Amino acid sequence: MKIYITNLKINTIIGILKHERKNKQNIIVDCKINGLDAILHLEIQSSYDSTMPRRMLRYFNEIKMLKEAKGKKVYQNMIYTGE
């Protein structure tokens, strides 16, 4: 499913999720997307990782448990910077 973000207003940066094997972090933001309250999760990935679908699901579940995420839709976006 494609979601086009035409109007993003960041309320606060909630925090970060640390990768279990690398010294990298994910950004989690409380925001309004197209006028609706939402949580935005940004994953920056530099190379292929076969465990990514499982990790994204785990991150989604961790985010949904946050008090800031109660009643809000969670959008996850992955940005590949490598090949």
N, C-alpha and C. Protein backbone atom coordinates (compact mmCIF):
# COMPACT_ATOMS: atom_id res chain seq x y z
N MET A 1 0.83 -1.16 0.00
CA MET A 1 0.00 0.00 0.00
C MET A 1 0.89 1.24 0.00
N LYS A 2 0.59 2.18 -0.88
CA LYS A 2 1.35 3.42 -0.94
C LYS A 2 0.62 4.50 -0.16
N ILE A 3 1.38 5.23 0.62
CA ILE A 3 0.87 6.40 1.34
C ILE A 3 1.72 7.58 0.89
N TYR A 4 1.09 8.57 0.35
CA TYR A 4 1.82 9.77 -0.06
C TYR A 4 1.74 10.80 1.05
N ILE A 5 2.89 11.19 1.53
CA ILE A 5 2.94 12.17 2.60
C ILE A 5 3.07 13.55 1.95
N THR A 6 1.97 14.28 1.93
CA THR A 6 1.99 15.60 1.32
C THR A 6 2.09 16.70 2.37
N ASN A 7 1.80 16.35 3.61
CA ASN A 7 1.84 17.34 4.68
C ASN A 7 2.28 16.64 5.96
N LEU A 8 3.52 16.85 6.34
CA LEU A 8 4.08 16.21 7.54
C LEU A 8 4.41 17.29 8.56
N LYS A 9 3.83 17.17 9.75
CA LYS A 9 4.13 18.09 10.85
C LYS A 9 4.65 17.25 12.01
N ILE A 10 5.90 17.46 12.37
CA ILE A 10 6.51 16.70 13.46
C ILE A 10 6.17 17.36 14.78
N ASN A 11 5.57 16.59 15.69
CA ASN A 11 5.27 17.08 17.03
C ASN A 11 6.48 16.90 17.93
N THR A 12 6.92 15.66 18.09
CA THR A 12 8.08 15.36 18.93
C THR A 12 8.78 14.12 18.41
N ILE A 13 10.06 14.03 18.69
CA ILE A 13 10.79 12.79 18.44
C ILE A 13 10.62 11.96 19.69
N ILE A 14 9.96 10.81 19.54
CA ILE A 14 9.67 9.95 20.68
C ILE A 14 10.93 9.27 21.17
N GLY A 15 11.71 8.77 20.25
CA GLY A 15 12.91 8.07 20.68
C GLY A 15 13.54 7.32 19.54
N ILE A 16 14.33 6.36 19.91
CA ILE A 16 15.06 5.55 18.95
C ILE A 16 14.99 4.09 19.35
N LEU A 17 15.06 3.22 18.36
CA LEU A 17 15.19 1.78 18.60
C LEU A 17 16.58 1.38 18.15
N LYS A 18 17.30 0.68 18.99
CA LYS A 18 18.65 0.27 18.62
C LYS A 18 18.62 -1.10 17.94
N HIS A 19 19.45 -1.24 16.91
CA HIS A 19 19.62 -2.53 16.26
C HIS A 19 20.34 -3.46 17.22
N GLU A 20 19.98 -4.73 17.16
CA GLU A 20 20.58 -5.68 18.09
C GLU A 20 22.02 -6.02 17.75
N ARG A 21 22.43 -5.89 16.50
CA ARG A 21 23.77 -6.31 16.12
C ARG A 21 24.67 -5.16 15.69
N LYS A 22 24.11 -4.02 15.46
CA LYS A 22 24.90 -2.91 14.92
C LYS A 22 24.69 -1.68 15.78
N ASN A 23 25.59 -0.77 15.67
CA ASN A 23 25.48 0.48 16.41
C ASN A 23 24.70 1.50 15.57
N LYS A 24 23.50 1.12 15.17
CA LYS A 24 22.64 1.98 14.36
C LYS A 24 21.32 2.15 15.09
N GLN A 25 20.60 3.18 14.71
CA GLN A 25 19.35 3.46 15.39
C GLN A 25 18.26 3.81 14.40
N ASN A 26 17.03 3.57 14.82
CA ASN A 26 15.85 3.93 14.05
C ASN A 26 15.23 5.17 14.68
N ILE A 27 14.62 6.00 13.87
CA ILE A 27 14.00 7.21 14.36
C ILE A 27 12.49 6.98 14.48
N ILE A 28 11.92 7.38 15.62
CA ILE A 28 10.47 7.26 15.84
C ILE A 28 9.95 8.66 16.17
N VAL A 29 8.95 9.10 15.39
CA VAL A 29 8.46 10.46 15.51
C VAL A 29 6.95 10.47 15.70
N ASP A 30 6.49 11.27 16.66
CA ASP A 30 5.06 11.54 16.83
C ASP A 30 4.75 12.72 15.91
N CYS A 31 3.79 12.54 15.01
CA CYS A 31 3.58 13.56 13.99
C CYS A 31 2.13 13.57 13.50
N LYS A 32 1.88 14.49 12.61
CA LYS A 32 0.63 14.50 11.85
C LYS A 32 1.01 14.26 10.40
N ILE A 33 0.37 13.28 9.79
CA ILE A 33 0.59 12.98 8.38
C ILE A 33 -0.73 13.23 7.66
N ASN A 34 -0.70 14.16 6.73
CA ASN A 34 -1.91 14.54 6.00
C ASN A 34 -3.05 14.88 6.96
N GLY A 35 -2.70 15.52 8.08
CA GLY A 35 -3.69 15.98 9.05
C GLY A 35 -4.12 14.96 10.09
N LEU A 36 -3.61 13.74 10.03
CA LEU A 36 -3.99 12.69 10.97
C LEU A 36 -2.84 12.39 11.94
N ASP A 37 -3.18 12.20 13.23
CA ASP A 37 -2.18 11.83 14.22
C ASP A 37 -1.58 10.48 13.85
N ALA A 38 -0.25 10.40 13.90
CA ALA A 38 0.42 9.17 13.49
C ALA A 38 1.77 9.06 14.17
N ILE A 39 2.35 7.88 14.06
CA ILE A 39 3.72 7.62 14.48
C ILE A 39 4.49 7.22 13.22
N LEU A 40 5.62 7.86 13.00
CA LEU A 40 6.44 7.58 11.83
C LEU A 40 7.73 6.92 12.28
N HIS A 41 8.03 5.77 11.71
CA HIS A 41 9.25 5.03 12.01
C HIS A 41 10.12 5.05 10.76
N LEU A 42 11.32 5.59 10.88
CA LEU A 42 12.26 5.64 9.76
C LEU A 42 13.42 4.69 10.03
N GLU A 43 13.61 3.78 9.10
CA GLU A 43 14.72 2.81 9.17
C GLU A 43 15.68 3.16 8.04
N ILE A 44 16.94 3.40 8.39
CA ILE A 44 17.96 3.68 7.39
C ILE A 44 18.80 2.42 7.25
N GLN A 45 18.89 1.90 6.02
CA GLN A 45 19.57 0.63 5.80
C GLN A 45 20.58 0.81 4.66
N SER A 46 21.83 0.41 4.90
CA SER A 46 22.87 0.61 3.89
C SER A 46 23.12 -0.63 3.03
N SER A 47 22.63 -1.77 3.46
CA SER A 47 22.86 -3.00 2.68
C SER A 47 21.71 -3.98 2.89
N TYR A 48 21.67 -4.98 2.02
CA TYR A 48 20.62 -5.99 2.10
C TYR A 48 20.75 -6.77 3.41
N ASP A 49 19.60 -7.04 4.01
CA ASP A 49 19.57 -7.82 5.24
C ASP A 49 18.37 -8.76 5.16
N SER A 50 18.63 -10.05 5.11
CA SER A 50 17.55 -11.03 4.95
C SER A 50 16.61 -11.08 6.15
N THR A 51 17.03 -10.53 7.30
CA THR A 51 16.18 -10.54 8.49
C THR A 51 15.31 -9.28 8.59
N MET A 52 15.38 -8.41 7.60
CA MET A 52 14.67 -7.13 7.68
C MET A 52 13.17 -7.27 7.87
N PRO A 53 12.45 -8.12 7.15
CA PRO A 53 11.01 -8.22 7.40
C PRO A 53 10.68 -8.58 8.85
N ARG A 54 11.42 -9.51 9.41
CA ARG A 54 11.20 -9.91 10.80
C ARG A 54 11.53 -8.76 11.76
N ARG A 55 12.62 -8.06 11.48
CA ARG A 55 12.99 -6.93 12.33
C ARG A 55 11.95 -5.82 12.27
N MET A 56 11.46 -5.52 11.07
CA MET A 56 10.45 -4.47 10.94
C MET A 56 9.18 -4.84 11.70
N LEU A 57 8.80 -6.10 11.68
CA LEU A 57 7.63 -6.55 12.44
C LEU A 57 7.88 -6.39 13.93
N ARG A 58 9.07 -6.75 14.37
CA ARG A 58 9.41 -6.59 15.78
C ARG A 58 9.38 -5.12 16.19
N TYR A 59 9.96 -4.26 15.36
CA TYR A 59 9.94 -2.83 15.65
C TYR A 59 8.50 -2.31 15.70
N PHE A 60 7.67 -2.76 14.77
CA PHE A 60 6.26 -2.34 14.74
C PHE A 60 5.59 -2.68 16.06
N ASN A 61 5.80 -3.91 16.53
CA ASN A 61 5.19 -4.33 17.79
C ASN A 61 5.72 -3.52 18.98
N GLU A 62 7.01 -3.23 18.97
CA GLU A 62 7.59 -2.42 20.05
C GLU A 62 7.00 -1.00 20.03
N ILE A 63 6.84 -0.44 18.86
CA ILE A 63 6.29 0.92 18.73
C ILE A 63 4.85 0.95 19.19
N LYS A 64 4.05 -0.05 18.82
CA LYS A 64 2.63 -0.08 19.20
C LYS A 64 2.46 -0.15 20.72
N MET A 65 3.47 -0.63 21.44
CA MET A 65 3.40 -0.72 22.89
C MET A 65 3.70 0.61 23.58
N LEU A 66 4.22 1.58 22.85
CA LEU A 66 4.53 2.89 23.44
C LEU A 66 3.25 3.65 23.76
N LYS A 67 3.24 4.34 24.89
CA LYS A 67 2.04 5.09 25.27
C LYS A 67 1.73 6.18 24.25
N GLU A 68 2.76 6.74 23.61
CA GLU A 68 2.55 7.79 22.61
C GLU A 68 1.86 7.27 21.36
N ALA A 69 1.90 5.96 21.13
CA ALA A 69 1.33 5.38 19.92
C ALA A 69 -0.13 4.96 20.09
N LYS A 70 -0.65 5.04 21.30
CA LYS A 70 -2.01 4.57 21.56
C LYS A 70 -3.02 5.29 20.66
N GLY A 71 -3.77 4.51 19.90
CA GLY A 71 -4.81 5.05 19.04
C GLY A 71 -4.31 5.69 17.76
N LYS A 72 -3.02 5.60 17.48
CA LYS A 72 -2.46 6.22 16.28
C LYS A 72 -2.00 5.17 15.29
N LYS A 73 -2.09 5.51 14.03
CA LYS A 73 -1.59 4.62 12.99
C LYS A 73 -0.07 4.74 12.93
N VAL A 74 0.60 3.61 12.75
CA VAL A 74 2.06 3.58 12.66
C VAL A 74 2.45 3.38 11.20
N TYR A 75 3.28 4.28 10.72
CA TYR A 75 3.83 4.18 9.35
C TYR A 75 5.30 3.86 9.47
N GLN A 76 5.73 2.81 8.77
CA GLN A 76 7.13 2.43 8.76
C GLN A 76 7.68 2.69 7.36
N ASN A 77 8.83 3.33 7.31
CA ASN A 77 9.48 3.61 6.04
C ASN A 77 10.93 3.19 6.13
N MET A 78 11.39 2.52 5.08
CA MET A 78 12.78 2.10 5.02
C MET A 78 13.45 2.82 3.89
N ILE A 79 14.62 3.36 4.17
CA ILE A 79 15.39 4.06 3.15
C ILE A 79 16.69 3.29 2.96
N TYR A 80 16.90 2.76 1.75
CA TYR A 80 18.14 2.07 1.43
C TYR A 80 19.12 3.08 0.87
N THR A 81 20.31 3.16 1.48
CA THR A 81 21.33 4.08 1.01
C THR A 81 22.43 3.40 0.22
N GLY A 82 22.43 2.08 0.20
CA GLY A 82 23.49 1.34 -0.49
C GLY A 82 22.96 0.63 -1.72
N GLU A 83 23.66 -0.41 -2.11
CA GLU A 83 23.27 -1.17 -3.30
C GLU A 83 22.37 -2.31 -2.96
